[in-house]
All heavy atoms as atom14 arrays in JSON, in Angstrom:
{
  "sequence": "LALDLKAGPWSRTRLAALTRELNRLFPMPAVLLFRHPAEDGTPL",
  "atom14_mask": [
    [1, 1, 1, 1, 1, 1, 1, 1, 0, 0, 0, 0, 0, 0],
    [1, 1, 1, 1, 1, 0, 0, 0, 0, 0, 0, 0, 0, 0],
    [1, 1, 1, 1, 1, 1, 1, 1, 0, 0, 0, 0, 0, 0],
    [1, 1, 1, 1, 1, 1, 1, 1, 0, 0, 0, 0, 0, 0],
    [1, 1, 1, 1, 1, 1, 1, 1, 0, 0, 0, 0, 0, 0],
    [1, 1, 1, 1, 1, 1, 1, 1, 1, 0, 0, 0, 0, 0],
    [1, 1, 1, 1, 1, 0, 0, 0, 0, 0, 0, 0, 0, 0],
    [1, 1, 1, 1, 0, 0, 0, 0, 0, 0, 0, 0, 0, 0],
    [1, 1, 1, 1, 1, 1, 1, 0, 0, 0, 0, 0, 0, 0],
    [1, 1, 1, 1, 1, 1, 1, 1, 1, 1, 1, 1, 1, 1],
    [1, 1, 1, 1, 1, 1, 0, 0, 0, 0, 0, 0, 0, 0],
    [1, 1, 1, 1, 1, 1, 1, 1, 1, 1, 1, 0, 0, 0],
    [1, 1, 1, 1, 1, 1, 1, 0, 0, 0, 0, 0, 0, 0],
    [1, 1, 1, 1, 1, 1, 1, 1, 1, 1, 1, 0, 0, 0],
    [1, 1, 1, 1, 1, 1, 1, 1, 0, 0, 0, 0, 0, 0],
    [1, 1, 1, 1, 1, 0, 0, 0, 0, 0, 0, 0, 0, 0],
    [1, 1, 1, 1, 1, 0, 0, 0, 0, 0, 0, 0, 0, 0],
    [1, 1, 1, 1, 1, 1, 1, 1, 0, 0, 0, 0, 0, 0],
    [1, 1, 1, 1, 1, 1, 1, 0, 0, 0, 0, 0, 0, 0],
    [1, 1, 1, 1, 1, 1, 1, 1, 1, 1, 1, 0, 0, 0],
    [1, 1, 1, 1, 1, 1, 1, 1, 1, 0, 0, 0, 0, 0],
    [1, 1, 1, 1, 1, 1, 1, 1, 0, 0, 0, 0, 0, 0],
    [1, 1, 1, 1, 1, 1, 1, 1, 0, 0, 0, 0, 0, 0],
    [1, 1, 1, 1, 1, 1, 1, 1, 1, 1, 1, 0, 0, 0],
    [1, 1, 1, 1, 1, 1, 1, 1, 0, 0, 0, 0, 0, 0],
    [1, 1, 1, 1, 1, 1, 1, 1, 1, 1, 1, 0, 0, 0],
    [1, 1, 1, 1, 1, 1, 1, 0, 0, 0, 0, 0, 0, 0],
    [1, 1, 1, 1, 1, 1, 1, 1, 0, 0, 0, 0, 0, 0],
    [1, 1, 1, 1, 1, 1, 1, 0, 0, 0, 0, 0, 0, 0],
    [1, 1, 1, 1, 1, 0, 0, 0, 0, 0, 0, 0, 0, 0],
    [1, 1, 1, 1, 1, 1, 1, 0, 0, 0, 0, 0, 0, 0],
    [1, 1, 1, 1, 1, 1, 1, 1, 0, 0, 0, 0, 0, 0],
    [1, 1, 1, 1, 1, 1, 1, 1, 0, 0, 0, 0, 0, 0],
    [1, 1, 1, 1, 1, 1, 1, 1, 1, 1, 1, 0, 0, 0],
    [1, 1, 1, 1, 1, 1, 1, 1, 1, 1, 1, 0, 0, 0],
    [1, 1, 1, 1, 1, 1, 1, 1, 1, 1, 0, 0, 0, 0],
    [1, 1, 1, 1, 1, 1, 1, 0, 0, 0, 0, 0, 0, 0],
    [1, 1, 1, 1, 1, 0, 0, 0, 0, 0, 0, 0, 0, 0],
    [1, 1, 1, 1, 1, 1, 1, 1, 1, 0, 0, 0, 0, 0],
    [1, 1, 1, 1, 1, 1, 1, 1, 0, 0, 0, 0, 0, 0],
    [1, 1, 1, 1, 0, 0, 0, 0, 0, 0, 0, 0, 0, 0],
    [1, 1, 1, 1, 1, 1, 1, 0, 0, 0, 0, 0, 0, 0],
    [1, 1, 1, 1, 1, 1, 1, 0, 0, 0, 0, 0, 0, 0],
    [1, 1, 1, 1, 1, 1, 1, 1, 0, 0, 0, 0, 0, 0]
  ],
  "atom14_positions": [
    [[186.09, -39.07, -31.24], [187.07, -38.19, -31.71], [187.35, -37.11, -30.66], [186.33, -36.73, -29.95], [186.68, -37.52, -33.06], [186.22, -38.46, -34.17], [185.75, -37.57, -35.38], [187.29, -39.44, -34.55], [0.0, 0.0, 0.0], [0.0, 0.0, 0.0], [0.0, 0.0, 0.0], [0.0, 0.0, 0.0], [0.0, 0.0, 0.0], [0.0, 0.0, 0.0]],
    [[188.53, -36.52, -30.63], [188.8, -35.44, -29.73], [189.5, -34.36, -30.47], [190.4, -34.55, -31.33], [189.69, -35.93, -28.53], [0.0, 0.0, 0.0], [0.0, 0.0, 0.0], [0.0, 0.0, 0.0], [0.0, 0.0, 0.0], [0.0, 0.0, 0.0], [0.0, 0.0, 0.0], [0.0, 0.0, 0.0], [0.0, 0.0, 0.0], [0.0, 0.0, 0.0]],
    [[189.09, -33.05, -30.16], [189.7, -31.9, -30.97], [190.2, -30.98, -29.87], [189.5, -30.62, -28.97], [188.68, -31.23, -31.83], [188.07, -32.04, -32.91], [187.01, -31.18, -33.8], [189.06, -32.66, -33.88], [0.0, 0.0, 0.0], [0.0, 0.0, 0.0], [0.0, 0.0, 0.0], [0.0, 0.0, 0.0], [0.0, 0.0, 0.0], [0.0, 0.0, 0.0]],
    [[191.39, -30.37, -30.12], [191.84, -29.25, -29.38], [191.55, -28.01, -30.25], [191.91, -27.93, -31.45], [193.35, -29.37, -29.18], [193.75, -29.6, -27.8], [192.93, -29.25, -26.85], [194.79, -30.24, -27.55], [0.0, 0.0, 0.0], [0.0, 0.0, 0.0], [0.0, 0.0, 0.0], [0.0, 0.0, 0.0], [0.0, 0.0, 0.0], [0.0, 0.0, 0.0]],
    [[190.76, -27.07, -29.62], [190.29, -25.89, -30.42], [191.04, -24.62, -29.89], [191.36, -24.54, -28.71], [188.8, -25.61, -30.22], [187.89, -26.87, -30.65], [186.43, -26.57, -30.26], [188.09, -27.16, -32.09], [0.0, 0.0, 0.0], [0.0, 0.0, 0.0], [0.0, 0.0, 0.0], [0.0, 0.0, 0.0], [0.0, 0.0, 0.0], [0.0, 0.0, 0.0]],
    [[191.18, -23.66, -30.77], [191.81, -22.47, -30.41], [190.89, -21.56, -29.52], [189.7, -21.88, -29.54], [192.2, -21.65, -31.64], [193.2, -22.34, -32.6], [193.56, -21.59, -33.78], [194.52, -22.24, -34.71], [194.74, -21.49, -36.03], [0.0, 0.0, 0.0], [0.0, 0.0, 0.0], [0.0, 0.0, 0.0], [0.0, 0.0, 0.0], [0.0, 0.0, 0.0]],
    [[191.45, -20.67, -28.77], [190.66, -19.74, -28.03], [189.74, -18.96, -28.97], [190.07, -18.56, -30.05], [191.52, -18.75, -27.23], [0.0, 0.0, 0.0], [0.0, 0.0, 0.0], [0.0, 0.0, 0.0], [0.0, 0.0, 0.0], [0.0, 0.0, 0.0], [0.0, 0.0, 0.0], [0.0, 0.0, 0.0], [0.0, 0.0, 0.0], [0.0, 0.0, 0.0]],
    [[188.54, -18.71, -28.42], [187.55, -17.93, -29.27], [186.11, -18.17, -28.72], [185.95, -18.93, -27.73], [0.0, 0.0, 0.0], [0.0, 0.0, 0.0], [0.0, 0.0, 0.0], [0.0, 0.0, 0.0], [0.0, 0.0, 0.0], [0.0, 0.0, 0.0], [0.0, 0.0, 0.0], [0.0, 0.0, 0.0], [0.0, 0.0, 0.0], [0.0, 0.0, 0.0]],
    [[185.2, -17.54, -29.27], [183.73, -17.72, -28.91], [183.17, -18.99, -29.32], [182.57, -19.02, -30.43], [183.07, -16.44, -29.46], [183.91, -16.19, -30.75], [185.32, -16.62, -30.46], [0.0, 0.0, 0.0], [0.0, 0.0, 0.0], [0.0, 0.0, 0.0], [0.0, 0.0, 0.0], [0.0, 0.0, 0.0], [0.0, 0.0, 0.0], [0.0, 0.0, 0.0]],
    [[183.21, -20.09, -28.61], [182.7, -21.36, -28.98], [181.29, -21.48, -28.47], [181.12, -22.01, -27.29], [183.66, -22.52, -28.53], [184.94, -22.52, -29.34], [186.17, -22.1, -28.94], [185.06, -23.02, -30.63], [187.15, -22.36, -30.01], [186.42, -22.87, -30.98], [184.19, -23.61, -31.6], [186.88, -23.25, -32.27], [184.63, -23.98, -32.74], [185.97, -23.9, -33.14]],
    [[180.35, -20.92, -29.16], [178.99, -21.05, -28.78], [178.48, -22.44, -28.94], [179.11, -23.28, -29.68], [178.14, -20.04, -29.5], [178.09, -20.5, -30.9], [0.0, 0.0, 0.0], [0.0, 0.0, 0.0], [0.0, 0.0, 0.0], [0.0, 0.0, 0.0], [0.0, 0.0, 0.0], [0.0, 0.0, 0.0], [0.0, 0.0, 0.0], [0.0, 0.0, 0.0]],
    [[177.31, -22.74, -28.37], [176.6, -24.04, -28.56], [176.32, -24.23, -30.01], [176.48, -25.3, -30.55], [175.37, -24.12, -27.68], [174.71, -25.44, -27.62], [173.47, -25.54, -26.7], [174.0, -25.24, -25.35], [174.33, -26.21, -24.56], [174.24, -27.47, -24.97], [174.71, -26.03, -23.3], [0.0, 0.0, 0.0], [0.0, 0.0, 0.0], [0.0, 0.0, 0.0]],
    [[175.83, -23.18, -30.73], [175.54, -23.23, -32.11], [176.75, -23.62, -32.98], [176.6, -24.47, -33.94], [174.91, -21.91, -32.64], [173.78, -21.64, -31.83], [174.51, -22.02, -34.07], [0.0, 0.0, 0.0], [0.0, 0.0, 0.0], [0.0, 0.0, 0.0], [0.0, 0.0, 0.0], [0.0, 0.0, 0.0], [0.0, 0.0, 0.0], [0.0, 0.0, 0.0]],
    [[177.89, -23.01, -32.68], [179.11, -23.23, -33.45], [179.63, -24.68, -33.23], [180.0, -25.37, -34.19], [180.13, -22.27, -33.05], [181.31, -22.2, -34.04], [182.29, -21.12, -33.6], [183.41, -21.04, -34.59], [184.54, -20.55, -34.23], [184.82, -20.05, -33.01], [185.59, -20.54, -35.2], [0.0, 0.0, 0.0], [0.0, 0.0, 0.0], [0.0, 0.0, 0.0]],
    [[179.58, -25.15, -31.93], [179.99, -26.54, -31.67], [179.07, -27.51, -32.34], [179.49, -28.61, -32.83], [180.08, -26.8, -30.16], [181.17, -26.02, -29.43], [181.01, -26.3, -27.87], [182.58, -26.54, -29.88], [0.0, 0.0, 0.0], [0.0, 0.0, 0.0], [0.0, 0.0, 0.0], [0.0, 0.0, 0.0], [0.0, 0.0, 0.0], [0.0, 0.0, 0.0]],
    [[177.81, -27.24, -32.34], [176.82, -28.1, -32.95], [177.02, -28.18, -34.54], [176.93, -29.28, -35.11], [175.36, -27.69, -32.7], [0.0, 0.0, 0.0], [0.0, 0.0, 0.0], [0.0, 0.0, 0.0], [0.0, 0.0, 0.0], [0.0, 0.0, 0.0], [0.0, 0.0, 0.0], [0.0, 0.0, 0.0], [0.0, 0.0, 0.0], [0.0, 0.0, 0.0]],
    [[177.28, -27.04, -35.1], [177.57, -27.13, -36.56], [178.87, -27.9, -36.88], [178.87, -28.67, -37.89], [177.77, -25.62, -37.09], [0.0, 0.0, 0.0], [0.0, 0.0, 0.0], [0.0, 0.0, 0.0], [0.0, 0.0, 0.0], [0.0, 0.0, 0.0], [0.0, 0.0, 0.0], [0.0, 0.0, 0.0], [0.0, 0.0, 0.0], [0.0, 0.0, 0.0]],
    [[179.85, -27.79, -36.08], [181.11, -28.54, -36.27], [180.74, -30.09, -36.15], [181.23, -30.84, -36.92], [182.17, -28.13, -35.22], [183.64, -28.48, -35.47], [184.46, -27.67, -34.41], [183.81, -29.99, -35.25], [0.0, 0.0, 0.0], [0.0, 0.0, 0.0], [0.0, 0.0, 0.0], [0.0, 0.0, 0.0], [0.0, 0.0, 0.0], [0.0, 0.0, 0.0]],
    [[179.94, -30.41, -35.12], [179.65, -31.83, -34.92], [178.8, -32.39, -36.09], [179.11, -33.47, -36.55], [178.73, -31.89, -33.64], [179.49, -31.38, -32.47], [178.37, -33.36, -33.33], [0.0, 0.0, 0.0], [0.0, 0.0, 0.0], [0.0, 0.0, 0.0], [0.0, 0.0, 0.0], [0.0, 0.0, 0.0], [0.0, 0.0, 0.0], [0.0, 0.0, 0.0]],
    [[177.87, -31.67, -36.57], [177.12, -32.11, -37.78], [178.07, -32.29, -39.02], [177.97, -33.28, -39.65], [176.06, -31.09, -38.08], [174.93, -31.0, -37.09], [173.77, -30.15, -37.68], [172.92, -29.84, -36.65], [172.92, -28.63, -35.92], [173.85, -27.71, -36.28], [172.09, -28.4, -34.9], [0.0, 0.0, 0.0], [0.0, 0.0, 0.0], [0.0, 0.0, 0.0]],
    [[178.99, -31.39, -39.24], [179.8, -31.44, -40.33], [180.73, -32.7, -40.31], [180.92, -33.32, -41.27], [180.66, -30.15, -40.54], [181.48, -30.03, -41.83], [180.55, -30.28, -43.07], [179.44, -29.75, -43.06], [181.16, -30.72, -44.04], [0.0, 0.0, 0.0], [0.0, 0.0, 0.0], [0.0, 0.0, 0.0], [0.0, 0.0, 0.0], [0.0, 0.0, 0.0]],
    [[181.31, -32.94, -39.16], [182.27, -34.12, -38.96], [181.43, -35.37, -39.07], [181.82, -36.35, -39.67], [182.97, -34.02, -37.61], [184.37, -33.7, -37.65], [184.99, -33.48, -36.3], [185.22, -34.57, -38.46], [0.0, 0.0, 0.0], [0.0, 0.0, 0.0], [0.0, 0.0, 0.0], [0.0, 0.0, 0.0], [0.0, 0.0, 0.0], [0.0, 0.0, 0.0]],
    [[180.19, -35.32, -38.6], [179.39, -36.57, -38.65], [178.97, -36.85, -40.11], [178.55, -38.0, -40.41], [178.11, -36.45, -37.81], [178.35, -37.1, -36.49], [178.07, -38.2, -36.21], [178.84, -36.28, -35.48], [0.0, 0.0, 0.0], [0.0, 0.0, 0.0], [0.0, 0.0, 0.0], [0.0, 0.0, 0.0], [0.0, 0.0, 0.0], [0.0, 0.0, 0.0]],
    [[178.94, -35.9, -40.96], [178.59, -36.13, -42.36], [179.62, -37.11, -43.06], [179.26, -37.89, -44.0], [178.64, -34.85, -43.2], [177.38, -33.97, -42.94], [177.52, -32.71, -43.86], [177.59, -33.06, -45.21], [178.71, -32.84, -46.03], [179.84, -32.5, -45.41], [178.74, -33.26, -47.27], [0.0, 0.0, 0.0], [0.0, 0.0, 0.0], [0.0, 0.0, 0.0]],
    [[180.77, -37.19, -42.52], [181.82, -38.02, -43.1], [181.68, -39.53, -42.69], [182.08, -40.35, -43.43], [183.2, -37.64, -42.64], [183.7, -36.18, -43.03], [185.13, -35.96, -42.46], [183.67, -36.04, -44.56], [0.0, 0.0, 0.0], [0.0, 0.0, 0.0], [0.0, 0.0, 0.0], [0.0, 0.0, 0.0], [0.0, 0.0, 0.0], [0.0, 0.0, 0.0]],
    [[180.97, -39.76, -41.54], [181.02, -41.1, -41.01], [179.61, -41.71, -41.32], [178.61, -41.04, -41.12], [181.26, -41.05, -39.53], [182.71, -40.65, -39.15], [183.08, -39.34, -39.03], [183.65, -41.69, -39.05], [184.34, -39.0, -38.73], [184.94, -41.32, -38.78], [185.33, -40.04, -38.59], [0.0, 0.0, 0.0], [0.0, 0.0, 0.0], [0.0, 0.0, 0.0]],
    [[179.59, -43.1, -41.55], [178.33, -43.77, -41.68], [177.7, -44.11, -40.25], [176.48, -44.53, -40.12], [178.75, -44.98, -42.46], [180.14, -45.26, -42.07], [180.84, -43.95, -41.87], [0.0, 0.0, 0.0], [0.0, 0.0, 0.0], [0.0, 0.0, 0.0], [0.0, 0.0, 0.0], [0.0, 0.0, 0.0], [0.0, 0.0, 0.0], [0.0, 0.0, 0.0]],
    [[178.44, -43.88, -39.2], [178.05, -44.17, -37.84], [178.2, -42.89, -36.94], [178.81, -42.07, -37.39], [178.79, -45.4, -37.25], [180.28, -44.98, -36.88], [181.32, -44.85, -38.36], [181.38, -46.59, -38.93], [0.0, 0.0, 0.0], [0.0, 0.0, 0.0], [0.0, 0.0, 0.0], [0.0, 0.0, 0.0], [0.0, 0.0, 0.0], [0.0, 0.0, 0.0]],
    [[177.54, -42.85, -35.87], [177.65, -41.63, -34.97], [179.02, -41.35, -34.52], [179.6, -42.36, -34.02], [176.67, -41.88, -33.84], [175.75, -42.94, -34.28], [176.48, -43.83, -35.25], [0.0, 0.0, 0.0], [0.0, 0.0, 0.0], [0.0, 0.0, 0.0], [0.0, 0.0, 0.0], [0.0, 0.0, 0.0], [0.0, 0.0, 0.0], [0.0, 0.0, 0.0]],
    [[179.5, -40.17, -34.64], [180.74, -39.78, -34.15], [180.55, -38.93, -32.85], [179.94, -37.85, -32.9], [181.62, -38.91, -35.13], [0.0, 0.0, 0.0], [0.0, 0.0, 0.0], [0.0, 0.0, 0.0], [0.0, 0.0, 0.0], [0.0, 0.0, 0.0], [0.0, 0.0, 0.0], [0.0, 0.0, 0.0], [0.0, 0.0, 0.0], [0.0, 0.0, 0.0]],
    [[181.02, -39.32, -31.71], [180.94, -38.61, -30.52], [182.2, -37.73, -30.35], [183.34, -38.29, -30.49], [180.85, -39.68, -29.26], [180.79, -38.86, -27.95], [179.67, -40.57, -29.45], [0.0, 0.0, 0.0], [0.0, 0.0, 0.0], [0.0, 0.0, 0.0], [0.0, 0.0, 0.0], [0.0, 0.0, 0.0], [0.0, 0.0, 0.0], [0.0, 0.0, 0.0]],
    [[181.96, -36.51, -30.13], [183.14, -35.59, -30.16], [183.42, -34.96, -28.81], [182.59, -34.54, -28.07], [182.81, -34.41, -31.1], [182.53, -34.84, -32.6], [182.24, -33.65, -33.46], [183.67, -35.54, -33.14], [0.0, 0.0, 0.0], [0.0, 0.0, 0.0], [0.0, 0.0, 0.0], [0.0, 0.0, 0.0], [0.0, 0.0, 0.0], [0.0, 0.0, 0.0]],
    [[184.63, -35.0, -28.41], [185.21, -34.24, -27.24], [185.95, -33.09, -27.59], [186.92, -33.16, -28.39], [186.13, -35.21, -26.41], [185.28, -36.27, -25.59], [184.84, -37.36, -26.5], [186.27, -36.89, -24.54], [0.0, 0.0, 0.0], [0.0, 0.0, 0.0], [0.0, 0.0, 0.0], [0.0, 0.0, 0.0], [0.0, 0.0, 0.0], [0.0, 0.0, 0.0]],
    [[185.51, -31.91, -27.21], [186.27, -30.7, -27.54], [186.96, -30.07, -26.32], [186.37, -29.88, -25.28], [185.29, -29.53, -28.03], [184.42, -30.04, -29.29], [183.08, -30.29, -29.09], [185.02, -30.09, -30.54], [182.31, -30.71, -30.13], [184.24, -30.52, -31.57], [182.85, -30.85, -31.36], [0.0, 0.0, 0.0], [0.0, 0.0, 0.0], [0.0, 0.0, 0.0]],
    [[188.26, -29.78, -26.44], [188.98, -29.08, -25.37], [189.18, -27.72, -25.91], [189.89, -27.5, -26.95], [190.35, -29.77, -25.05], [191.01, -29.13, -23.9], [192.14, -29.98, -23.35], [193.23, -30.28, -24.33], [194.3, -30.97, -24.07], [194.51, -31.61, -23.0], [195.18, -31.12, -25.0], [0.0, 0.0, 0.0], [0.0, 0.0, 0.0], [0.0, 0.0, 0.0]],
    [[188.81, -26.62, -25.15], [188.88, -25.23, -25.64], [189.09, -24.35, -24.41], [188.47, -24.52, -23.4], [187.74, -24.9, -26.49], [186.39, -25.2, -25.87], [185.69, -24.2, -25.33], [185.66, -26.27, -25.71], [184.54, -24.73, -24.86], [184.57, -26.04, -25.1], [0.0, 0.0, 0.0], [0.0, 0.0, 0.0], [0.0, 0.0, 0.0], [0.0, 0.0, 0.0]],
    [[189.9, -23.29, -24.46], [190.14, -22.37, -23.42], [188.99, -21.29, -23.37], [188.46, -20.86, -24.39], [191.46, -21.75, -23.73], [191.54, -21.81, -25.16], [190.84, -22.97, -25.76], [0.0, 0.0, 0.0], [0.0, 0.0, 0.0], [0.0, 0.0, 0.0], [0.0, 0.0, 0.0], [0.0, 0.0, 0.0], [0.0, 0.0, 0.0], [0.0, 0.0, 0.0]],
    [[188.6, -20.98, -22.14], [187.68, -19.93, -21.92], [188.44, -18.57, -22.2], [189.62, -18.55, -22.38], [187.1, -19.94, -20.54], [0.0, 0.0, 0.0], [0.0, 0.0, 0.0], [0.0, 0.0, 0.0], [0.0, 0.0, 0.0], [0.0, 0.0, 0.0], [0.0, 0.0, 0.0], [0.0, 0.0, 0.0], [0.0, 0.0, 0.0], [0.0, 0.0, 0.0]],
    [[187.71, -17.43, -22.11], [188.35, -16.13, -22.34], [189.41, -15.77, -21.31], [190.44, -15.16, -21.69], [187.33, -14.97, -22.31], [186.32, -15.03, -23.53], [185.35, -13.9, -23.5], [185.5, -12.98, -22.64], [184.47, -13.88, -24.36], [0.0, 0.0, 0.0], [0.0, 0.0, 0.0], [0.0, 0.0, 0.0], [0.0, 0.0, 0.0], [0.0, 0.0, 0.0]],
    [[189.26, -16.28, -20.09], [190.29, -16.08, -19.03], [191.37, -17.19, -18.99], [192.19, -17.25, -18.11], [189.57, -15.97, -17.63], [188.86, -17.31, -17.24], [188.85, -18.28, -18.04], [188.36, -17.32, -16.19], [0.0, 0.0, 0.0], [0.0, 0.0, 0.0], [0.0, 0.0, 0.0], [0.0, 0.0, 0.0], [0.0, 0.0, 0.0], [0.0, 0.0, 0.0]],
    [[191.25, -18.06, -19.98], [192.34, -19.1, -20.13], [191.99, -20.35, -19.43], [192.73, -21.46, -19.54], [0.0, 0.0, 0.0], [0.0, 0.0, 0.0], [0.0, 0.0, 0.0], [0.0, 0.0, 0.0], [0.0, 0.0, 0.0], [0.0, 0.0, 0.0], [0.0, 0.0, 0.0], [0.0, 0.0, 0.0], [0.0, 0.0, 0.0], [0.0, 0.0, 0.0]],
    [[190.86, -20.46, -18.7], [190.45, -21.74, -18.04], [190.18, -22.82, -19.13], [189.48, -22.63, -20.02], [189.07, -21.5, -17.24], [189.31, -20.48, -16.29], [188.73, -22.8, -16.54], [0.0, 0.0, 0.0], [0.0, 0.0, 0.0], [0.0, 0.0, 0.0], [0.0, 0.0, 0.0], [0.0, 0.0, 0.0], [0.0, 0.0, 0.0], [0.0, 0.0, 0.0]],
    [[190.79, -23.99, -18.89], [190.61, -25.08, -19.93], [189.25, -25.69, -19.68], [188.86, -26.0, -18.61], [191.7, -26.11, -19.56], [192.07, -25.8, -18.14], [191.81, -24.29, -17.94], [0.0, 0.0, 0.0], [0.0, 0.0, 0.0], [0.0, 0.0, 0.0], [0.0, 0.0, 0.0], [0.0, 0.0, 0.0], [0.0, 0.0, 0.0], [0.0, 0.0, 0.0]],
    [[188.49, -25.76, -20.82], [187.1, -26.26, -20.74], [187.02, -27.55, -21.66], [187.76, -27.69, -22.57], [186.09, -25.23, -21.3], [186.15, -23.88, -20.53], [185.14, -22.89, -21.22], [185.74, -24.0, -19.11], [0.0, 0.0, 0.0], [0.0, 0.0, 0.0], [0.0, 0.0, 0.0], [0.0, 0.0, 0.0], [0.0, 0.0, 0.0], [0.0, 0.0, 0.0]]
  ]
}
């Protein structure tokens, strides 16, 4: 799965929580790709 995320403080803890929650829906592992901007606008 791939997600475009809004600008904001995307810490490792927050991304991990999102990953766990989405994986709860699936009976198999869901590998997640997150595209999100840094504070200076750099795409990450």
